[in-house]
Amino acid sequence: MTRIISGRAGGLRIDVPPSGTRPTSDRVRESLFASLETTGLLDGTTVVDLYAGSGALGLESISRGAAHCDLVEKGQKAAQIARNNAERVARATGASADVHAIGVRAFLRGATRIYDVAYLDPPYDISPDVLTEDLAQLRPLLADDAIVIVERATRSGAPDWAAADLRPLRDRSFGDTSLWWGEPAI
């Protein structure tokens, strides 16, 4: 069972696709959001959750004070589950989350919002070159003080931040899963 951990929708159960996605564990989400909340980075922000799956990362952000989230998931079944989850979280919080049932690249090419926080949790088998291109396409949509968080298999290594005009901030490993934090290189 996956749930919203804290905030206005804390404890709300959210559905996950039965296959084809890899939900972020509660332990990883708790650590990630504890770090974000101590810096005040979620209050009133605009968030994008790329490769959203169930939408757990973006919806946790909404629960903890983000004003809006775009959830991007090209798998139709997963996108419908994310849409249902977003509706439940919206009812509990009053904040909005839009689900985009298209690929990440197509979304980024057409996006017009500026994001304060971006999550990328691609499938573990995605190539480093694809991730770098996603980061490069995301870069023009980031606020100057934005935070980008990439979740990948620890064995995948850090993203190529410099190739996307970003710079690393920190990283943390949780067994086979690692979170890499970056920001715009200004």
N, C-alpha and C. Protein backbone atom coordinates (compact mmCIF):
# COMPACT_ATOMS: atom_id res chain seq x y z
N MET A 1 0.84 -1.18 0.00
CA MET A 1 0.00 0.00 0.00
C MET A 1 0.88 1.24 0.00
N THR A 2 0.53 2.20 -0.83
CA THR A 2 1.23 3.48 -0.86
C THR A 2 0.28 4.52 -0.30
N ARG A 3 0.84 5.47 0.42
CA ARG A 3 0.02 6.51 1.03
C ARG A 3 0.76 7.84 0.95
N ILE A 4 0.00 8.92 1.08
CA ILE A 4 0.59 10.23 1.26
C ILE A 4 1.09 10.26 2.70
N ILE A 5 2.34 10.61 2.90
CA ILE A 5 2.97 10.48 4.21
C ILE A 5 2.54 11.58 5.17
N SER A 6 2.53 12.83 4.69
CA SER A 6 2.29 13.94 5.61
C SER A 6 1.60 15.09 4.89
N GLY A 7 1.24 16.10 5.65
CA GLY A 7 0.60 17.28 5.08
C GLY A 7 -0.91 17.19 5.13
N ARG A 8 -1.56 18.03 4.32
CA ARG A 8 -3.02 18.12 4.34
C ARG A 8 -3.72 16.84 3.91
N ALA A 9 -3.05 16.03 3.10
CA ALA A 9 -3.63 14.74 2.68
C ALA A 9 -2.91 13.57 3.34
N GLY A 10 -2.17 13.84 4.41
CA GLY A 10 -1.41 12.80 5.10
C GLY A 10 -2.27 11.60 5.46
N GLY A 11 -1.76 10.42 5.18
CA GLY A 11 -2.48 9.19 5.47
C GLY A 11 -3.39 8.71 4.35
N LEU A 12 -3.66 9.57 3.37
CA LEU A 12 -4.53 9.19 2.26
C LEU A 12 -3.88 8.09 1.43
N ARG A 13 -4.60 7.01 1.22
CA ARG A 13 -4.09 5.89 0.42
C ARG A 13 -4.18 6.27 -1.05
N ILE A 14 -3.11 5.98 -1.79
CA ILE A 14 -3.14 6.19 -3.23
C ILE A 14 -2.86 4.86 -3.92
N ASP A 15 -3.47 4.71 -5.07
CA ASP A 15 -3.31 3.48 -5.83
C ASP A 15 -2.02 3.53 -6.64
N VAL A 16 -1.49 2.34 -6.91
CA VAL A 16 -0.31 2.23 -7.76
C VAL A 16 -0.63 1.27 -8.91
N PRO A 17 -0.04 1.51 -10.06
CA PRO A 17 -0.27 0.58 -11.17
C PRO A 17 0.20 -0.82 -10.80
N PRO A 18 -0.51 -1.85 -11.25
CA PRO A 18 -0.15 -3.22 -10.88
C PRO A 18 1.18 -3.67 -11.47
N SER A 19 1.60 -3.04 -12.57
CA SER A 19 2.88 -3.39 -13.17
C SER A 19 3.36 -2.22 -14.03
N GLY A 20 4.64 -2.27 -14.41
CA GLY A 20 5.18 -1.27 -15.32
C GLY A 20 5.74 -0.03 -14.67
N THR A 21 5.59 0.11 -13.35
CA THR A 21 6.19 1.24 -12.65
C THR A 21 6.89 0.72 -11.40
N ARG A 22 7.72 1.57 -10.83
CA ARG A 22 8.46 1.22 -9.62
C ARG A 22 8.22 2.34 -8.61
N PRO A 23 7.22 2.18 -7.73
CA PRO A 23 6.92 3.25 -6.78
C PRO A 23 8.09 3.55 -5.85
N THR A 24 8.29 4.82 -5.56
CA THR A 24 9.31 5.24 -4.61
C THR A 24 8.90 4.76 -3.23
N SER A 25 9.82 4.13 -2.53
CA SER A 25 9.49 3.58 -1.21
C SER A 25 9.16 4.69 -0.22
N ASP A 26 8.39 4.33 0.80
CA ASP A 26 8.06 5.30 1.85
C ASP A 26 9.34 5.86 2.49
N ARG A 27 10.32 5.01 2.72
CA ARG A 27 11.58 5.44 3.35
C ARG A 27 12.28 6.52 2.52
N VAL A 28 12.35 6.32 1.21
CA VAL A 28 13.00 7.29 0.33
C VAL A 28 12.17 8.57 0.30
N ARG A 29 10.85 8.45 0.17
CA ARG A 29 10.00 9.64 0.15
C ARG A 29 10.08 10.42 1.46
N GLU A 30 10.09 9.71 2.59
CA GLU A 30 10.20 10.40 3.88
C GLU A 30 11.48 11.20 3.96
N SER A 31 12.59 10.64 3.55
CA SER A 31 13.86 11.35 3.57
C SER A 31 13.86 12.54 2.62
N LEU A 32 13.39 12.32 1.42
CA LEU A 32 13.33 13.38 0.41
C LEU A 32 12.50 14.56 0.91
N PHE A 33 11.30 14.28 1.40
CA PHE A 33 10.41 15.37 1.79
C PHE A 33 10.81 16.01 3.11
N ALA A 34 11.48 15.29 3.98
CA ALA A 34 12.02 15.92 5.19
C ALA A 34 13.06 16.97 4.78
N SER A 35 13.89 16.65 3.80
CA SER A 35 14.89 17.60 3.31
C SER A 35 14.24 18.81 2.65
N LEU A 36 13.24 18.56 1.81
CA LEU A 36 12.57 19.67 1.13
C LEU A 36 11.84 20.58 2.11
N GLU A 37 11.18 20.00 3.09
CA GLU A 37 10.41 20.81 4.03
C GLU A 37 11.30 21.66 4.92
N THR A 38 12.47 21.17 5.31
CA THR A 38 13.34 21.96 6.18
C THR A 38 13.84 23.22 5.48
N THR A 39 13.87 23.20 4.15
CA THR A 39 14.32 24.37 3.40
C THR A 39 13.15 25.24 2.97
N GLY A 40 11.91 24.82 3.21
CA GLY A 40 10.75 25.59 2.80
C GLY A 40 10.53 25.60 1.30
N LEU A 41 11.11 24.64 0.59
CA LEU A 41 11.06 24.64 -0.87
C LEU A 41 9.72 24.25 -1.47
N LEU A 42 8.78 23.81 -0.68
CA LEU A 42 7.50 23.37 -1.25
C LEU A 42 6.39 24.40 -1.13
N ASP A 43 6.49 25.32 -0.22
CA ASP A 43 5.41 26.26 0.04
C ASP A 43 5.08 27.12 -1.17
N GLY A 44 3.89 26.90 -1.74
CA GLY A 44 3.40 27.70 -2.85
C GLY A 44 4.10 27.48 -4.17
N THR A 45 4.84 26.40 -4.30
CA THR A 45 5.65 26.17 -5.50
C THR A 45 4.86 25.48 -6.61
N THR A 46 5.48 25.48 -7.78
CA THR A 46 4.98 24.75 -8.94
C THR A 46 5.94 23.60 -9.18
N VAL A 47 5.39 22.40 -9.27
CA VAL A 47 6.17 21.17 -9.31
C VAL A 47 5.86 20.40 -10.59
N VAL A 48 6.87 19.71 -11.12
CA VAL A 48 6.64 18.77 -12.22
C VAL A 48 7.20 17.42 -11.79
N ASP A 49 6.43 16.37 -12.03
CA ASP A 49 6.82 15.00 -11.71
C ASP A 49 6.85 14.24 -13.03
N LEU A 50 8.06 14.05 -13.56
CA LEU A 50 8.26 13.37 -14.84
C LEU A 50 8.42 11.88 -14.60
N TYR A 51 7.84 11.06 -15.47
CA TYR A 51 7.78 9.60 -15.27
C TYR A 51 7.02 9.35 -13.97
N ALA A 52 5.85 9.92 -13.84
CA ALA A 52 5.13 10.02 -12.57
C ALA A 52 4.60 8.71 -12.02
N GLY A 53 4.32 7.72 -12.86
CA GLY A 53 3.71 6.49 -12.33
C GLY A 53 2.41 6.83 -11.62
N SER A 54 2.31 6.51 -10.35
CA SER A 54 1.10 6.78 -9.56
C SER A 54 0.96 8.26 -9.21
N GLY A 55 2.03 9.02 -9.36
CA GLY A 55 2.02 10.44 -9.00
C GLY A 55 2.41 10.69 -7.56
N ALA A 56 2.95 9.69 -6.87
CA ALA A 56 3.22 9.80 -5.44
C ALA A 56 4.12 10.98 -5.09
N LEU A 57 5.18 11.24 -5.85
CA LEU A 57 6.08 12.33 -5.51
C LEU A 57 5.40 13.69 -5.68
N GLY A 58 4.78 13.90 -6.81
CA GLY A 58 4.10 15.16 -7.04
C GLY A 58 2.95 15.39 -6.08
N LEU A 59 2.19 14.34 -5.80
CA LEU A 59 1.04 14.47 -4.91
C LEU A 59 1.47 14.67 -3.46
N GLU A 60 2.57 14.08 -3.06
CA GLU A 60 3.12 14.35 -1.73
C GLU A 60 3.50 15.83 -1.63
N SER A 61 4.02 16.40 -2.72
CA SER A 61 4.37 17.82 -2.75
C SER A 61 3.13 18.69 -2.55
N ILE A 62 2.04 18.32 -3.24
CA ILE A 62 0.78 19.05 -3.10
C ILE A 62 0.31 18.98 -1.64
N SER A 63 0.37 17.81 -1.05
CA SER A 63 -0.07 17.64 0.32
C SER A 63 0.73 18.52 1.28
N ARG A 64 2.00 18.74 0.94
CA ARG A 64 2.90 19.48 1.83
C ARG A 64 3.04 20.96 1.46
N GLY A 65 2.16 21.47 0.60
CA GLY A 65 2.14 22.90 0.41
C GLY A 65 2.40 23.43 -0.99
N ALA A 66 2.76 22.57 -1.94
CA ALA A 66 2.94 23.06 -3.32
C ALA A 66 1.60 23.55 -3.85
N ALA A 67 1.64 24.57 -4.69
CA ALA A 67 0.40 25.15 -5.23
C ALA A 67 -0.13 24.37 -6.41
N HIS A 68 0.77 23.80 -7.21
CA HIS A 68 0.34 23.09 -8.42
C HIS A 68 1.40 22.05 -8.79
N CYS A 69 0.93 20.97 -9.42
CA CYS A 69 1.84 19.94 -9.90
C CYS A 69 1.37 19.43 -11.25
N ASP A 70 2.31 19.25 -12.17
CA ASP A 70 2.06 18.55 -13.42
C ASP A 70 2.65 17.16 -13.28
N LEU A 71 1.81 16.14 -13.47
CA LEU A 71 2.23 14.74 -13.44
C LEU A 71 2.30 14.25 -14.87
N VAL A 72 3.45 13.75 -15.29
CA VAL A 72 3.66 13.32 -16.67
C VAL A 72 3.92 11.82 -16.68
N GLU A 73 3.02 11.08 -17.32
CA GLU A 73 3.11 9.62 -17.38
C GLU A 73 2.52 9.15 -18.69
N LYS A 74 3.34 8.55 -19.55
CA LYS A 74 2.83 8.14 -20.86
C LYS A 74 2.05 6.83 -20.83
N GLY A 75 2.27 5.97 -19.86
CA GLY A 75 1.50 4.73 -19.76
C GLY A 75 0.05 5.05 -19.45
N GLN A 76 -0.86 4.65 -20.32
CA GLN A 76 -2.26 5.04 -20.17
C GLN A 76 -2.89 4.54 -18.87
N LYS A 77 -2.62 3.29 -18.50
CA LYS A 77 -3.19 2.76 -17.25
C LYS A 77 -2.63 3.50 -16.05
N ALA A 78 -1.31 3.72 -16.04
CA ALA A 78 -0.68 4.45 -14.93
C ALA A 78 -1.20 5.88 -14.89
N ALA A 79 -1.36 6.52 -16.05
CA ALA A 79 -1.86 7.90 -16.09
C ALA A 79 -3.28 7.98 -15.52
N GLN A 80 -4.11 6.99 -15.79
CA GLN A 80 -5.47 7.00 -15.24
C GLN A 80 -5.43 6.84 -13.73
N ILE A 81 -4.57 5.98 -13.25
CA ILE A 81 -4.42 5.82 -11.79
C ILE A 81 -3.92 7.12 -11.17
N ALA A 82 -2.94 7.77 -11.81
CA ALA A 82 -2.44 9.06 -11.32
C ALA A 82 -3.56 10.10 -11.31
N ARG A 83 -4.38 10.10 -12.34
CA ARG A 83 -5.50 11.04 -12.42
C ARG A 83 -6.47 10.82 -11.25
N ASN A 84 -6.81 9.57 -10.97
CA ASN A 84 -7.69 9.26 -9.84
C ASN A 84 -7.07 9.69 -8.52
N ASN A 85 -5.77 9.41 -8.36
CA ASN A 85 -5.05 9.83 -7.14
C ASN A 85 -5.05 11.35 -7.01
N ALA A 86 -4.80 12.04 -8.12
CA ALA A 86 -4.76 13.51 -8.11
C ALA A 86 -6.10 14.09 -7.70
N GLU A 87 -7.18 13.50 -8.16
CA GLU A 87 -8.52 13.98 -7.78
C GLU A 87 -8.75 13.83 -6.28
N ARG A 88 -8.33 12.69 -5.72
CA ARG A 88 -8.49 12.49 -4.27
C ARG A 88 -7.66 13.47 -3.46
N VAL A 89 -6.42 13.68 -3.88
CA VAL A 89 -5.54 14.62 -3.17
C VAL A 89 -6.07 16.05 -3.32
N ALA A 90 -6.58 16.40 -4.49
CA ALA A 90 -7.13 17.74 -4.70
C ALA A 90 -8.32 17.99 -3.77
N ARG A 91 -9.16 16.99 -3.59
CA ARG A 91 -10.29 17.14 -2.68
C ARG A 91 -9.81 17.37 -1.24
N ALA A 92 -8.73 16.74 -0.87
CA ALA A 92 -8.21 16.86 0.50
C ALA A 92 -7.42 18.15 0.72
N THR A 93 -6.87 18.72 -0.35
CA THR A 93 -5.96 19.86 -0.18
C THR A 93 -6.45 21.16 -0.80
N GLY A 94 -7.27 21.08 -1.82
CA GLY A 94 -7.68 22.27 -2.55
C GLY A 94 -6.67 22.71 -3.59
N ALA A 95 -5.53 22.05 -3.67
CA ALA A 95 -4.50 22.38 -4.67
C ALA A 95 -4.70 21.50 -5.90
N SER A 96 -4.19 21.96 -7.03
CA SER A 96 -4.44 21.23 -8.27
C SER A 96 -3.23 20.45 -8.75
N ALA A 97 -3.53 19.36 -9.42
CA ALA A 97 -2.51 18.55 -10.10
C ALA A 97 -3.10 18.14 -11.44
N ASP A 98 -2.38 18.41 -12.50
CA ASP A 98 -2.81 18.01 -13.83
C ASP A 98 -2.02 16.80 -14.27
N VAL A 99 -2.70 15.82 -14.84
CA VAL A 99 -2.05 14.62 -15.36
C VAL A 99 -1.96 14.74 -16.87
N HIS A 100 -0.77 14.52 -17.39
CA HIS A 100 -0.50 14.58 -18.83
C HIS A 100 -0.11 13.17 -19.28
N ALA A 101 -0.97 12.53 -20.04
CA ALA A 101 -0.75 11.16 -20.49
C ALA A 101 0.01 11.16 -21.81
N ILE A 102 1.22 11.67 -21.75
CA ILE A 102 2.11 11.73 -22.92
C ILE A 102 3.54 11.46 -22.45
N GLY A 103 4.43 11.27 -23.39
CA GLY A 103 5.83 11.06 -23.07
C GLY A 103 6.48 12.33 -22.52
N VAL A 104 7.55 12.13 -21.79
CA VAL A 104 8.26 13.25 -21.17
C VAL A 104 8.74 14.26 -22.20
N ARG A 105 9.36 13.80 -23.27
CA ARG A 105 9.87 14.72 -24.29
C ARG A 105 8.77 15.56 -24.91
N ALA A 106 7.66 14.92 -25.26
CA ALA A 106 6.54 15.66 -25.85
C ALA A 106 6.00 16.69 -24.87
N PHE A 107 5.90 16.32 -23.61
CA PHE A 107 5.43 17.26 -22.61
C PHE A 107 6.37 18.45 -22.50
N LEU A 108 7.66 18.18 -22.38
CA LEU A 108 8.64 19.27 -22.20
C LEU A 108 8.67 20.21 -23.40
N ARG A 109 8.50 19.67 -24.60
CA ARG A 109 8.48 20.52 -25.80
C ARG A 109 7.32 21.51 -25.78
N GLY A 110 6.20 21.12 -25.20
CA GLY A 110 5.02 21.98 -25.21
C GLY A 110 4.75 22.72 -23.91
N ALA A 111 5.53 22.46 -22.88
CA ALA A 111 5.27 23.07 -21.56
C ALA A 111 5.58 24.56 -21.56
N THR A 112 4.79 25.31 -20.81
CA THR A 112 5.00 26.75 -20.71
C THR A 112 5.19 27.23 -19.27
N ARG A 113 4.91 26.37 -18.30
CA ARG A 113 5.09 26.75 -16.90
C ARG A 113 6.57 26.81 -16.54
N ILE A 114 6.87 27.57 -15.51
CA ILE A 114 8.20 27.57 -14.91
C ILE A 114 8.08 26.80 -13.60
N TYR A 115 9.00 25.86 -13.39
CA TYR A 115 8.92 24.97 -12.25
C TYR A 115 9.96 25.31 -11.19
N ASP A 116 9.53 25.17 -9.94
CA ASP A 116 10.40 25.38 -8.79
C ASP A 116 11.04 24.09 -8.33
N VAL A 117 10.33 22.99 -8.51
CA VAL A 117 10.82 21.66 -8.13
C VAL A 117 10.49 20.70 -9.25
N ALA A 118 11.47 19.88 -9.62
CA ALA A 118 11.25 18.87 -10.66
C ALA A 118 11.75 17.52 -10.16
N TYR A 119 10.91 16.50 -10.34
CA TYR A 119 11.28 15.13 -10.00
C TYR A 119 11.39 14.34 -11.29
N LEU A 120 12.46 13.58 -11.42
CA LEU A 120 12.60 12.65 -12.53
C LEU A 120 12.87 11.28 -11.92
N ASP A 121 11.95 10.38 -12.12
CA ASP A 121 12.07 9.01 -11.60
C ASP A 121 11.85 8.06 -12.78
N PRO A 122 12.80 8.08 -13.75
CA PRO A 122 12.62 7.27 -14.94
C PRO A 122 12.81 5.78 -14.65
N PRO A 123 12.37 4.94 -15.57
CA PRO A 123 12.66 3.51 -15.40
C PRO A 123 14.17 3.31 -15.23
N TYR A 124 14.54 2.37 -14.39
CA TYR A 124 15.96 2.14 -14.11
C TYR A 124 16.74 1.79 -15.38
N ASP A 125 16.08 1.21 -16.39
CA ASP A 125 16.82 0.81 -17.59
C ASP A 125 16.96 1.93 -18.62
N ILE A 126 16.50 3.13 -18.32
CA ILE A 126 16.66 4.24 -19.25
C ILE A 126 18.16 4.57 -19.37
N SER A 127 18.60 4.89 -20.58
CA SER A 127 20.03 5.16 -20.78
C SER A 127 20.41 6.51 -20.21
N PRO A 128 21.67 6.66 -19.80
CA PRO A 128 22.14 7.96 -19.31
C PRO A 128 21.96 9.07 -20.35
N ASP A 129 22.11 8.74 -21.64
CA ASP A 129 21.94 9.76 -22.69
C ASP A 129 20.51 10.27 -22.75
N VAL A 130 19.53 9.38 -22.58
CA VAL A 130 18.13 9.81 -22.58
C VAL A 130 17.86 10.70 -21.38
N LEU A 131 18.37 10.33 -20.22
CA LEU A 131 18.19 11.14 -19.02
C LEU A 131 18.82 12.52 -19.21
N THR A 132 20.01 12.56 -19.78
CA THR A 132 20.68 13.85 -20.02
C THR A 132 19.86 14.73 -20.94
N GLU A 133 19.30 14.14 -22.00
CA GLU A 133 18.47 14.91 -22.92
C GLU A 133 17.20 15.42 -22.23
N ASP A 134 16.59 14.59 -21.38
CA ASP A 134 15.42 15.03 -20.62
C ASP A 134 15.78 16.22 -19.73
N LEU A 135 16.90 16.13 -19.05
CA LEU A 135 17.34 17.23 -18.19
C LEU A 135 17.60 18.50 -19.00
N ALA A 136 18.21 18.35 -20.17
CA ALA A 136 18.49 19.51 -21.02
C ALA A 136 17.19 20.16 -21.50
N GLN A 137 16.19 19.36 -21.84
CA GLN A 137 14.91 19.93 -22.27
C GLN A 137 14.14 20.55 -21.10
N LEU A 138 14.34 20.03 -19.91
CA LEU A 138 13.71 20.58 -18.72
C LEU A 138 14.33 21.92 -18.32
N ARG A 139 15.61 22.08 -18.53
CA ARG A 139 16.36 23.24 -18.02
C ARG A 139 15.70 24.59 -18.32
N PRO A 140 15.23 24.89 -19.54
CA PRO A 140 14.62 26.20 -19.79
C PRO A 140 13.31 26.44 -19.03
N LEU A 141 12.74 25.39 -18.46
CA LEU A 141 11.48 25.49 -17.74
C LEU A 141 11.68 25.64 -16.23
N LEU A 142 12.92 25.78 -15.80
CA LEU A 142 13.23 25.85 -14.38
C LEU A 142 13.44 27.28 -13.91
N ALA A 143 12.88 27.59 -12.74
CA ALA A 143 13.17 28.87 -12.09
C ALA A 143 14.66 28.91 -11.75
N ASP A 144 15.21 30.10 -11.60
CA ASP A 144 16.64 30.23 -11.30
C ASP A 144 17.05 29.52 -10.02
N ASP A 145 16.14 29.43 -9.06
CA ASP A 145 16.45 28.78 -7.79
C ASP A 145 15.78 27.40 -7.66
N ALA A 146 15.47 26.79 -8.78
CA ALA A 146 14.78 25.49 -8.78
C ALA A 146 15.68 24.38 -8.24
N ILE A 147 15.02 23.33 -7.82
CA ILE A 147 15.68 22.10 -7.39
C ILE A 147 15.21 20.98 -8.31
N VAL A 148 16.16 20.16 -8.77
CA VAL A 148 15.86 19.01 -9.61
C VAL A 148 16.31 17.77 -8.84
N ILE A 149 15.43 16.80 -8.72
CA ILE A 149 15.75 15.58 -7.99
C ILE A 149 15.56 14.39 -8.93
N VAL A 150 16.62 13.62 -9.08
CA VAL A 150 16.61 12.45 -9.95
C VAL A 150 16.73 11.21 -9.08
N GLU A 151 15.81 10.27 -9.27
CA GLU A 151 15.85 8.99 -8.58
C GLU A 151 16.24 7.93 -9.59
N ARG A 152 17.30 7.19 -9.27
CA ARG A 152 17.81 6.15 -10.18
C ARG A 152 18.40 5.02 -9.36
N ALA A 153 18.73 3.94 -10.05
CA ALA A 153 19.48 2.86 -9.42
C ALA A 153 20.86 3.41 -9.05
N THR A 154 21.32 3.08 -7.88
CA THR A 154 22.63 3.54 -7.42
C THR A 154 23.71 3.19 -8.42
N ARG A 155 23.62 2.02 -9.02
CA ARG A 155 24.64 1.57 -9.97
C ARG A 155 24.66 2.40 -11.26
N SER A 156 23.60 3.17 -11.52
CA SER A 156 23.53 4.00 -12.72
C SER A 156 24.49 5.18 -12.67
N GLY A 157 24.86 5.60 -11.48
CA GLY A 157 25.74 6.75 -11.34
C GLY A 157 24.98 8.05 -11.47
N ALA A 158 25.67 9.12 -11.14
CA ALA A 158 25.07 10.45 -11.13
C ALA A 158 24.69 10.90 -12.53
N PRO A 159 23.67 11.73 -12.63
CA PRO A 159 23.31 12.32 -13.93
C PRO A 159 24.45 13.20 -14.45
N ASP A 160 24.47 13.44 -15.74
CA ASP A 160 25.44 14.35 -16.34
C ASP A 160 24.85 15.76 -16.24
N TRP A 161 24.97 16.34 -15.07
CA TRP A 161 24.38 17.65 -14.80
C TRP A 161 24.91 18.72 -15.76
N ALA A 162 26.22 18.77 -15.95
CA ALA A 162 26.84 19.84 -16.75
C ALA A 162 26.30 19.86 -18.18
N ALA A 163 26.04 18.70 -18.76
CA ALA A 163 25.55 18.64 -20.13
C ALA A 163 24.15 19.25 -20.26
N ALA A 164 23.46 19.41 -19.14
CA ALA A 164 22.11 19.98 -19.14
C ALA A 164 22.10 21.39 -18.52
N ASP A 165 23.28 21.99 -18.36
CA ASP A 165 23.41 23.32 -17.75
C ASP A 165 22.85 23.34 -16.34
N LEU A 166 23.14 22.27 -15.61
CA LEU A 166 22.77 22.14 -14.21
C LEU A 166 24.02 21.80 -13.42
N ARG A 167 23.95 21.94 -12.12
CA ARG A 167 25.09 21.55 -11.29
C ARG A 167 24.60 20.70 -10.12
N PRO A 168 25.45 19.77 -9.68
CA PRO A 168 25.04 18.88 -8.58
C PRO A 168 25.02 19.62 -7.25
N LEU A 169 24.11 19.20 -6.39
CA LEU A 169 24.05 19.73 -5.04
C LEU A 169 24.45 18.69 -4.01
N ARG A 170 23.80 17.52 -4.10
CA ARG A 170 24.09 16.44 -3.15
C ARG A 170 23.47 15.16 -3.66
N ASP A 171 23.78 14.08 -2.97
CA ASP A 171 23.16 12.80 -3.29
C ASP A 171 23.05 11.98 -2.03
N ARG A 172 22.16 11.01 -2.09
CA ARG A 172 21.97 10.10 -0.97
C ARG A 172 21.52 8.76 -1.50
N SER A 173 22.09 7.70 -0.97
CA SER A 173 21.75 6.35 -1.41
C SER A 173 20.94 5.63 -0.34
N PHE A 174 20.02 4.80 -0.83
CA PHE A 174 19.18 3.96 0.00
C PHE A 174 19.25 2.56 -0.59
N GLY A 175 20.35 1.86 -0.38
CA GLY A 175 20.54 0.56 -1.00
C GLY A 175 20.69 0.73 -2.50
N ASP A 176 19.82 0.08 -3.28
CA ASP A 176 19.91 0.14 -4.73
C ASP A 176 19.34 1.43 -5.32
N THR A 177 18.71 2.26 -4.51
CA THR A 177 18.11 3.51 -4.98
C THR A 177 18.93 4.70 -4.50
N SER A 178 19.16 5.65 -5.40
CA SER A 178 19.84 6.89 -5.03
C SER A 178 19.03 8.09 -5.49
N LEU A 179 19.13 9.15 -4.72
CA LEU A 179 18.57 10.44 -5.09
C LEU A 179 19.73 11.39 -5.36
N TRP A 180 19.68 12.04 -6.51
CA TRP A 180 20.67 13.05 -6.85
C TRP A 180 19.93 14.38 -6.95
N TRP A 181 20.46 15.40 -6.28
CA TRP A 181 19.88 16.74 -6.27
C TRP A 181 20.73 17.64 -7.15
N GLY A 182 20.07 18.47 -7.95
CA GLY A 182 20.79 19.45 -8.77
C GLY A 182 20.04 20.76 -8.81
N GLU A 183 20.69 21.76 -9.38
CA GLU A 183 20.09 23.08 -9.54
C GLU A 183 20.64 23.73 -10.80
N PRO A 184 19.95 24.76 -11.28
CA PRO A 184 20.45 25.44 -12.48
C PRO A 184 21.84 26.02 -12.23
N ALA A 185 22.69 25.88 -13.22
CA ALA A 185 24.02 26.49 -13.17
C ALA A 185 23.86 27.90 -13.73
N ILE A 186 23.91 28.86 -12.87
CA ILE A 186 23.65 30.25 -13.31
C ILE A 186 24.96 31.00 -13.50
